[in-house]
Each structure stands twice: as C-alpha cells, then as structure tokens.
C-alpha cells in the first residue's frame, strides 16, 4: 500500500491537537519547502530518515526500446535519496 498525502494528514490529525485543515496545511507547507530547496540545488537532510540530494546527469546516448532508434538524451538533474542508518536498521529489524 502506498502512503499518500491524505493518509499522512489523517495520521497527523489523529495523533495531535491540530484540526484536519491545519494538518493538511502543515503537510503542504513542508512539501513546498522541500521542493523549493531541491529546485535551488540544495540537499534536504531529515535526521533519522535520510537525505535528498540533487544530482546532475550528463547528456548521453539512448535507444527507443520500441523502435530501436538511437537518440540523445539531454542533460538533466535528478533527485536521489540516501536512507539514514537509523532507518536502515529499523527496516532490517535491528532498531
């Protein structure tokens, strides 16, 4: 099952004194901050969770799998995620 923004908002609503609209607004605000930070090229570190980093990928040759035509894929930026040690341990039942 995939956790959605609505699910996170409901969990915040059920575990805090925030109203449903306040919980939803809090999630939206946090995501806006993360997006704008990544757009500027900076990383986002969330202690105990992990780090989101912006990485550049160079232009490269590619191939359309349906037609087998070769093409050039342009340079681009991608977001990578590195899991924290704490989260890794929890995922592997050690924490």
Protein backbone atom coordinates (compact mmCIF):
# COMPACT_ATOMS: atom_id res chain seq x y z
CA UNK A 1 0.00 0.00 0.00
CA UNK A 2 1.23 3.48 -0.84
CA UNK A 3 1.09 6.22 1.77
CA UNK A 4 -0.50 9.38 0.34
CA UNK A 5 -0.54 13.00 1.49
CA UNK A 6 -4.12 12.46 2.66
CA UNK A 7 -3.02 9.44 4.73
CA UNK A 8 -0.22 11.44 6.35
CA UNK A 9 -2.60 14.31 7.04
CA UNK A 10 -5.10 11.91 8.67
CA UNK A 11 -2.36 10.40 10.86
CA UNK A 12 -1.27 13.87 11.99
CA UNK A 13 -4.90 14.81 12.66
CA UNK A 14 -5.48 11.64 14.72
CA UNK A 15 -2.29 11.94 16.80
CA UNK A 16 -2.15 15.70 17.51
CA UNK A 17 -4.40 18.56 18.56
CA UNK A 18 -4.37 20.00 15.05
CA UNK A 19 -7.57 20.40 13.05
CA UNK A 20 -7.82 18.43 9.81
CA UNK A 21 -7.26 21.58 7.70
CA UNK A 22 -4.25 22.57 9.81
CA UNK A 23 -2.72 19.09 9.43
CA UNK A 24 -3.23 19.23 5.66
CA UNK A 25 -1.77 22.72 5.52
CA UNK A 26 1.27 21.60 7.54
CA UNK A 27 1.97 18.77 5.09
CA UNK A 28 1.62 21.09 2.09
CA UNK A 29 3.97 23.64 3.70
CA UNK A 30 6.64 21.03 4.46
CA UNK A 31 6.47 19.67 0.90
CA UNK A 32 6.69 23.20 -0.58
CA UNK A 33 9.83 23.87 1.49
CA UNK A 34 11.41 20.58 0.38
CA UNK A 35 10.53 21.22 -3.29
CA UNK A 36 11.88 24.77 -3.33
CA UNK A 37 15.10 23.69 -1.58
CA UNK A 38 15.67 20.90 -4.11
CA UNK A 39 14.84 23.22 -7.02
CA UNK A 40 17.59 25.57 -5.85
CA UNK A 41 20.06 22.67 -5.98
CA UNK A 42 20.48 22.20 -2.24
CA UNK A 43 20.05 18.91 -0.41
CA UNK A 44 17.46 18.19 2.26
CA UNK A 45 18.58 16.26 5.35
CA UNK A 46 15.91 14.86 7.67
CA UNK A 47 17.61 13.39 10.74
CA UNK A 48 16.67 9.78 11.38
CA UNK A 49 15.10 9.49 7.92
CA UNK A 50 17.57 10.31 5.17
CA UNK A 51 18.93 12.84 2.72
CA UNK A 52 17.54 14.01 -0.60
CA UNK A 53 20.27 15.24 -2.96
CA UNK A 54 20.14 16.90 -6.38
CA UNK A 55 22.50 15.28 -8.85
CA UNK A 56 23.34 16.26 -12.41
CA UNK A 57 23.28 13.70 -15.20
CA UNK A 58 25.25 14.32 -18.37
CA UNK A 59 23.88 14.09 -21.89
CA UNK A 60 24.04 10.51 -23.12
CA UNK A 61 23.08 8.24 -25.97
CA UNK A 62 19.92 6.23 -25.56
CA UNK A 63 17.65 3.96 -27.53
CA UNK A 64 13.90 3.81 -28.00
CA UNK A 65 13.03 0.24 -26.91
CA UNK A 66 10.03 0.04 -29.25
CA UNK A 67 11.69 1.20 -32.45
CA UNK A 68 15.38 0.59 -31.59
CA UNK A 69 16.14 4.10 -32.89
CA UNK A 70 19.12 5.73 -31.21
CA UNK A 71 18.69 9.20 -29.75
CA UNK A 72 20.47 11.67 -27.49
CA UNK A 73 19.05 12.13 -24.00
CA UNK A 74 19.70 15.66 -22.75
CA UNK A 75 21.46 16.65 -19.57
CA UNK A 76 19.16 16.80 -16.57
CA UNK A 77 19.01 16.99 -12.81
CA UNK A 78 17.58 14.18 -10.71
CA UNK A 79 16.80 13.76 -7.02
CA UNK A 80 18.42 10.87 -5.19
CA UNK A 81 17.62 9.62 -1.71
CA UNK A 82 20.04 8.11 0.77
CA UNK A 83 18.46 6.35 3.71
CA UNK A 84 19.79 7.17 7.19
CA UNK A 85 21.49 4.49 9.27
CA UNK A 86 18.67 4.68 11.82
CA UNK A 87 16.02 4.00 9.19
CA UNK A 88 18.12 1.22 7.62
CA UNK A 89 18.29 -0.53 10.99
CA UNK A 90 14.53 -0.21 11.51
CA UNK A 91 13.84 -1.55 8.01
CA UNK A 92 16.04 -4.56 8.73
CA UNK A 93 14.52 -5.26 12.15
CA UNK A 94 17.56 -4.19 14.13
CA UNK A 95 16.18 -0.99 15.69
